[in-house]
Amino acid sequence: MGTSTKDLEAGKVDSIYQVYPCAVEACFQAVIDVARDSKYYVFMKDEVRGLVVLMNIPGFVDTTEVGVFFTELPKQQGVKIELSSRSSPAKKAVAKVLFSELSGRFK
């Protein structure tokens, strides 16, 4: 696609994350669904790399990117979903919406 995700990957050091009891595929699709319901623009989705990039976050410049990373945990402990962005406020805004919705779906 020609798009660099280096900044988002490097920002995982300061990510906000939650762990959910679901398969990666189910978590991935749920994130896409919540993003679309929330009117976020799904700029990139790559199931192989476990990455979704969201843009058009209300209240922020429409090109602000928030990366959503998926890591399957060992021994069926669930999936770690990490949010990364160069904008801490945008990352927190997405976390509030996304994690609230996912907590309702995956208990």
N, C-alpha and C. Protein backbone atom coordinates (compact mmCIF):
# COMPACT_ATOMS: atom_id res chain seq x y z
N MET A 1 0.82 -1.18 0.00
CA MET A 1 0.00 0.00 0.00
C MET A 1 0.86 1.25 0.00
N GLY A 2 2.11 1.12 0.37
CA GLY A 2 3.00 2.27 0.36
C GLY A 2 2.88 3.16 1.57
N THR A 3 2.18 2.72 2.58
CA THR A 3 1.98 3.51 3.78
C THR A 3 2.88 2.98 4.89
N SER A 4 3.54 3.88 5.60
CA SER A 4 4.42 3.48 6.69
C SER A 4 3.65 3.45 8.00
N THR A 5 3.88 2.41 8.76
CA THR A 5 3.27 2.30 10.08
C THR A 5 4.34 2.33 11.17
N LYS A 6 5.55 2.78 10.81
CA LYS A 6 6.67 2.80 11.75
C LYS A 6 6.35 3.58 13.02
N ASP A 7 5.77 4.78 12.87
CA ASP A 7 5.46 5.59 14.05
C ASP A 7 4.45 4.89 14.96
N LEU A 8 3.46 4.26 14.35
CA LEU A 8 2.46 3.56 15.16
C LEU A 8 3.08 2.36 15.87
N GLU A 9 3.93 1.63 15.17
CA GLU A 9 4.59 0.48 15.77
C GLU A 9 5.53 0.92 16.90
N ALA A 10 6.27 1.99 16.67
CA ALA A 10 7.17 2.51 17.70
C ALA A 10 6.38 3.01 18.91
N GLY A 11 5.20 3.54 18.68
CA GLY A 11 4.36 4.06 19.76
C GLY A 11 3.73 3.00 20.63
N LYS A 12 3.89 1.74 20.26
CA LYS A 12 3.32 0.66 21.09
C LYS A 12 3.95 0.63 22.48
N VAL A 13 5.11 1.24 22.62
CA VAL A 13 5.76 1.32 23.93
C VAL A 13 4.84 2.04 24.93
N ASP A 14 4.09 3.01 24.44
CA ASP A 14 3.17 3.79 25.28
C ASP A 14 1.71 3.48 24.95
N SER A 15 1.46 2.28 24.49
CA SER A 15 0.10 1.94 24.07
C SER A 15 -0.86 1.83 25.26
N ILE A 16 -2.13 1.94 24.92
CA ILE A 16 -3.21 1.64 25.85
C ILE A 16 -3.72 0.28 25.40
N TYR A 17 -3.93 -0.65 26.32
CA TYR A 17 -4.35 -1.97 25.86
C TYR A 17 -5.35 -2.61 26.82
N GLN A 18 -6.06 -3.58 26.26
CA GLN A 18 -6.97 -4.44 27.01
C GLN A 18 -6.83 -5.84 26.43
N VAL A 19 -7.21 -6.84 27.22
CA VAL A 19 -7.19 -8.22 26.76
C VAL A 19 -8.63 -8.73 26.76
N TYR A 20 -9.01 -9.40 25.67
CA TYR A 20 -10.38 -9.90 25.52
C TYR A 20 -10.37 -11.39 25.23
N PRO A 21 -11.36 -12.11 25.77
CA PRO A 21 -11.45 -13.56 25.56
C PRO A 21 -12.12 -13.87 24.22
N CYS A 22 -11.37 -13.73 23.15
CA CYS A 22 -11.92 -13.99 21.82
C CYS A 22 -10.81 -14.47 20.91
N ALA A 23 -11.20 -15.01 19.77
CA ALA A 23 -10.22 -15.36 18.74
C ALA A 23 -9.81 -14.08 18.03
N VAL A 24 -8.62 -14.08 17.47
CA VAL A 24 -8.12 -12.90 16.77
C VAL A 24 -9.10 -12.46 15.69
N GLU A 25 -9.62 -13.40 14.93
CA GLU A 25 -10.53 -13.06 13.83
C GLU A 25 -11.78 -12.36 14.35
N ALA A 26 -12.33 -12.84 15.45
CA ALA A 26 -13.54 -12.23 16.03
C ALA A 26 -13.24 -10.84 16.57
N CYS A 27 -12.11 -10.68 17.25
CA CYS A 27 -11.72 -9.36 17.76
C CYS A 27 -11.48 -8.39 16.62
N PHE A 28 -10.81 -8.86 15.58
CA PHE A 28 -10.50 -8.02 14.43
C PHE A 28 -11.80 -7.50 13.80
N GLN A 29 -12.74 -8.40 13.57
CA GLN A 29 -14.01 -8.00 12.95
C GLN A 29 -14.80 -7.07 13.86
N ALA A 30 -14.77 -7.32 15.15
CA ALA A 30 -15.48 -6.46 16.11
C ALA A 30 -14.90 -5.04 16.09
N VAL A 31 -13.58 -4.92 16.00
CA VAL A 31 -12.95 -3.60 15.93
C VAL A 31 -13.39 -2.88 14.66
N ILE A 32 -13.42 -3.58 13.53
CA ILE A 32 -13.87 -2.98 12.28
C ILE A 32 -15.32 -2.51 12.41
N ASP A 33 -16.17 -3.34 13.00
CA ASP A 33 -17.58 -2.99 13.17
C ASP A 33 -17.76 -1.76 14.06
N VAL A 34 -17.07 -1.74 15.19
CA VAL A 34 -17.16 -0.61 16.12
C VAL A 34 -16.63 0.66 15.45
N ALA A 35 -15.54 0.54 14.73
CA ALA A 35 -14.97 1.70 14.04
C ALA A 35 -15.97 2.28 13.05
N ARG A 36 -16.58 1.45 12.27
CA ARG A 36 -17.55 1.93 11.28
C ARG A 36 -18.78 2.52 11.96
N ASP A 37 -19.27 1.86 13.02
CA ASP A 37 -20.42 2.38 13.76
C ASP A 37 -20.10 3.74 14.38
N SER A 38 -18.84 3.95 14.74
CA SER A 38 -18.40 5.20 15.37
C SER A 38 -18.01 6.25 14.35
N LYS A 39 -18.18 5.93 13.07
CA LYS A 39 -17.87 6.84 11.96
C LYS A 39 -16.38 7.12 11.80
N TYR A 40 -15.53 6.22 12.34
CA TYR A 40 -14.11 6.32 12.08
C TYR A 40 -13.86 5.80 10.67
N TYR A 41 -12.82 6.33 10.04
CA TYR A 41 -12.44 5.85 8.72
C TYR A 41 -11.40 4.74 8.91
N VAL A 42 -11.69 3.56 8.38
CA VAL A 42 -10.74 2.45 8.44
C VAL A 42 -9.77 2.65 7.28
N PHE A 43 -8.64 3.26 7.59
CA PHE A 43 -7.64 3.63 6.59
C PHE A 43 -6.88 2.40 6.09
N MET A 44 -6.61 1.46 6.99
CA MET A 44 -5.87 0.27 6.63
C MET A 44 -6.33 -0.88 7.53
N LYS A 45 -6.43 -2.05 6.94
CA LYS A 45 -6.66 -3.25 7.75
C LYS A 45 -5.83 -4.38 7.16
N ASP A 46 -5.10 -5.03 8.04
CA ASP A 46 -4.19 -6.09 7.63
C ASP A 46 -4.27 -7.20 8.68
N GLU A 47 -5.07 -8.20 8.38
CA GLU A 47 -5.25 -9.30 9.33
C GLU A 47 -3.97 -10.10 9.54
N VAL A 48 -3.17 -10.23 8.50
CA VAL A 48 -1.93 -11.01 8.60
C VAL A 48 -0.98 -10.36 9.62
N ARG A 49 -0.85 -9.04 9.55
CA ARG A 49 0.02 -8.32 10.49
C ARG A 49 -0.68 -7.99 11.80
N GLY A 50 -1.99 -8.20 11.87
CA GLY A 50 -2.74 -7.88 13.08
C GLY A 50 -2.80 -6.38 13.33
N LEU A 51 -3.23 -5.63 12.31
CA LEU A 51 -3.20 -4.18 12.39
C LEU A 51 -4.40 -3.56 11.70
N VAL A 52 -4.99 -2.57 12.36
CA VAL A 52 -6.01 -1.72 11.77
C VAL A 52 -5.58 -0.28 12.05
N VAL A 53 -5.66 0.58 11.05
CA VAL A 53 -5.35 2.00 11.24
C VAL A 53 -6.62 2.79 11.05
N LEU A 54 -6.98 3.56 12.07
CA LEU A 54 -8.20 4.37 12.05
C LEU A 54 -7.85 5.84 11.88
N MET A 55 -8.72 6.56 11.19
CA MET A 55 -8.58 8.00 11.02
C MET A 55 -9.97 8.63 11.15
N ASN A 56 -10.03 9.94 11.01
CA ASN A 56 -11.28 10.68 11.10
C ASN A 56 -11.91 10.53 12.48
N ILE A 57 -11.10 10.68 13.51
CA ILE A 57 -11.56 10.59 14.90
C ILE A 57 -12.21 11.93 15.24
N PRO A 58 -13.48 11.94 15.65
CA PRO A 58 -14.16 13.21 15.95
C PRO A 58 -13.39 14.05 16.98
N GLY A 59 -13.25 15.34 16.68
CA GLY A 59 -12.55 16.26 17.57
C GLY A 59 -11.06 16.39 17.28
N PHE A 60 -10.57 15.64 16.28
CA PHE A 60 -9.15 15.66 15.94
C PHE A 60 -9.00 15.89 14.44
N VAL A 61 -7.82 16.32 14.04
CA VAL A 61 -7.55 16.49 12.62
C VAL A 61 -7.86 15.17 11.93
N ASP A 62 -8.55 15.24 10.79
CA ASP A 62 -9.03 14.00 10.16
C ASP A 62 -7.93 13.06 9.68
N THR A 63 -6.69 13.53 9.64
CA THR A 63 -5.58 12.66 9.24
C THR A 63 -4.84 12.06 10.43
N THR A 64 -5.31 12.32 11.64
CA THR A 64 -4.68 11.72 12.83
C THR A 64 -4.91 10.22 12.79
N GLU A 65 -3.84 9.47 12.93
CA GLU A 65 -3.93 8.01 12.87
C GLU A 65 -3.89 7.39 14.27
N VAL A 66 -4.72 6.37 14.45
CA VAL A 66 -4.68 5.54 15.65
C VAL A 66 -4.53 4.11 15.17
N GLY A 67 -3.46 3.46 15.59
CA GLY A 67 -3.22 2.08 15.21
C GLY A 67 -3.80 1.13 16.25
N VAL A 68 -4.43 0.08 15.76
CA VAL A 68 -4.99 -0.96 16.62
C VAL A 68 -4.22 -2.24 16.29
N PHE A 69 -3.49 -2.76 17.27
CA PHE A 69 -2.67 -3.95 17.08
C PHE A 69 -3.27 -5.13 17.84
N PHE A 70 -3.21 -6.31 17.25
CA PHE A 70 -3.78 -7.52 17.83
C PHE A 70 -2.66 -8.53 18.08
N THR A 71 -2.59 -9.04 19.31
CA THR A 71 -1.61 -10.06 19.66
C THR A 71 -2.32 -11.20 20.35
N GLU A 72 -2.25 -12.39 19.75
CA GLU A 72 -2.85 -13.56 20.37
C GLU A 72 -1.96 -14.00 21.52
N LEU A 73 -2.53 -14.17 22.69
CA LEU A 73 -1.78 -14.57 23.86
C LEU A 73 -1.69 -16.10 23.93
N PRO A 74 -0.65 -16.62 24.56
CA PRO A 74 -0.48 -18.07 24.64
C PRO A 74 -1.53 -18.73 25.53
N LYS A 75 -1.70 -20.02 25.31
CA LYS A 75 -2.57 -20.85 26.14
C LYS A 75 -4.01 -20.34 26.18
N GLN A 76 -4.48 -19.85 25.06
CA GLN A 76 -5.86 -19.39 24.91
C GLN A 76 -6.27 -18.38 25.98
N GLN A 77 -5.36 -17.46 26.30
CA GLN A 77 -5.65 -16.43 27.29
C GLN A 77 -6.38 -15.24 26.67
N GLY A 78 -6.58 -15.28 25.36
CA GLY A 78 -7.30 -14.21 24.70
C GLY A 78 -6.43 -13.43 23.74
N VAL A 79 -6.89 -12.22 23.43
CA VAL A 79 -6.21 -11.36 22.47
C VAL A 79 -5.93 -10.01 23.14
N LYS A 80 -4.70 -9.58 23.04
CA LYS A 80 -4.32 -8.26 23.54
C LYS A 80 -4.53 -7.27 22.40
N ILE A 81 -5.34 -6.24 22.67
CA ILE A 81 -5.59 -5.19 21.68
C ILE A 81 -4.92 -3.93 22.20
N GLU A 82 -3.97 -3.43 21.41
CA GLU A 82 -3.19 -2.24 21.79
C GLU A 82 -3.52 -1.08 20.86
N LEU A 83 -3.64 0.11 21.43
CA LEU A 83 -3.86 1.31 20.66
C LEU A 83 -2.61 2.18 20.73
N SER A 84 -2.21 2.67 19.57
CA SER A 84 -1.01 3.50 19.47
C SER A 84 -1.30 4.68 18.56
N SER A 85 -0.75 5.84 18.92
CA SER A 85 -0.91 7.03 18.10
C SER A 85 0.13 8.06 18.53
N ARG A 86 0.47 8.95 17.61
CA ARG A 86 1.33 10.07 17.97
C ARG A 86 0.53 11.08 18.79
N SER A 87 -0.80 10.97 18.74
CA SER A 87 -1.68 11.85 19.51
C SER A 87 -2.26 11.08 20.70
N SER A 88 -1.76 11.37 21.89
CA SER A 88 -2.28 10.71 23.09
C SER A 88 -3.78 10.97 23.29
N PRO A 89 -4.25 12.21 23.08
CA PRO A 89 -5.69 12.45 23.25
C PRO A 89 -6.55 11.65 22.25
N ALA A 90 -6.11 11.52 21.02
CA ALA A 90 -6.87 10.73 20.04
C ALA A 90 -6.88 9.26 20.44
N LYS A 91 -5.73 8.77 20.88
CA LYS A 91 -5.62 7.38 21.33
C LYS A 91 -6.57 7.13 22.49
N LYS A 92 -6.64 8.06 23.43
CA LYS A 92 -7.53 7.91 24.59
C LYS A 92 -8.99 7.98 24.18
N ALA A 93 -9.31 8.85 23.21
CA ALA A 93 -10.69 8.96 22.74
C ALA A 93 -11.15 7.66 22.08
N VAL A 94 -10.29 7.08 21.26
CA VAL A 94 -10.63 5.82 20.61
C VAL A 94 -10.72 4.70 21.65
N ALA A 95 -9.81 4.68 22.60
CA ALA A 95 -9.82 3.65 23.64
C ALA A 95 -11.13 3.67 24.41
N LYS A 96 -11.60 4.85 24.75
CA LYS A 96 -12.85 4.97 25.51
C LYS A 96 -14.01 4.32 24.76
N VAL A 97 -14.13 4.63 23.48
CA VAL A 97 -15.22 4.09 22.67
C VAL A 97 -15.01 2.60 22.39
N LEU A 98 -13.84 2.28 21.87
CA LEU A 98 -13.57 0.92 21.43
C LEU A 98 -13.60 -0.09 22.57
N PHE A 99 -12.90 0.21 23.66
CA PHE A 99 -12.83 -0.75 24.76
C PHE A 99 -14.17 -0.90 25.46
N SER A 100 -14.95 0.16 25.52
CA SER A 100 -16.29 0.07 26.10
C SER A 100 -17.16 -0.89 25.28
N GLU A 101 -17.13 -0.72 23.97
CA GLU A 101 -17.93 -1.58 23.09
C GLU A 101 -17.44 -3.02 23.13
N LEU A 102 -16.13 -3.23 23.08
CA LEU A 102 -15.60 -4.59 23.09
C LEU A 102 -15.88 -5.29 24.42
N SER A 103 -15.85 -4.56 25.51
CA SER A 103 -16.14 -5.16 26.82
C SER A 103 -17.57 -5.67 26.86
N GLY A 104 -18.47 -4.99 26.18
CA GLY A 104 -19.85 -5.47 26.11
C GLY A 104 -20.01 -6.69 25.24
N ARG A 105 -19.18 -6.83 24.23
CA ARG A 105 -19.27 -7.96 23.30
C ARG A 105 -18.55 -9.20 23.81
N PHE A 106 -17.40 -9.00 24.47
CA PHE A 106 -16.58 -10.12 24.92
C PHE A 106 -16.40 -10.02 26.44
N LYS A 107 -17.18 -10.79 27.14
CA LYS A 107 -17.14 -10.74 28.61
C LYS A 107 -16.28 -11.85 29.16
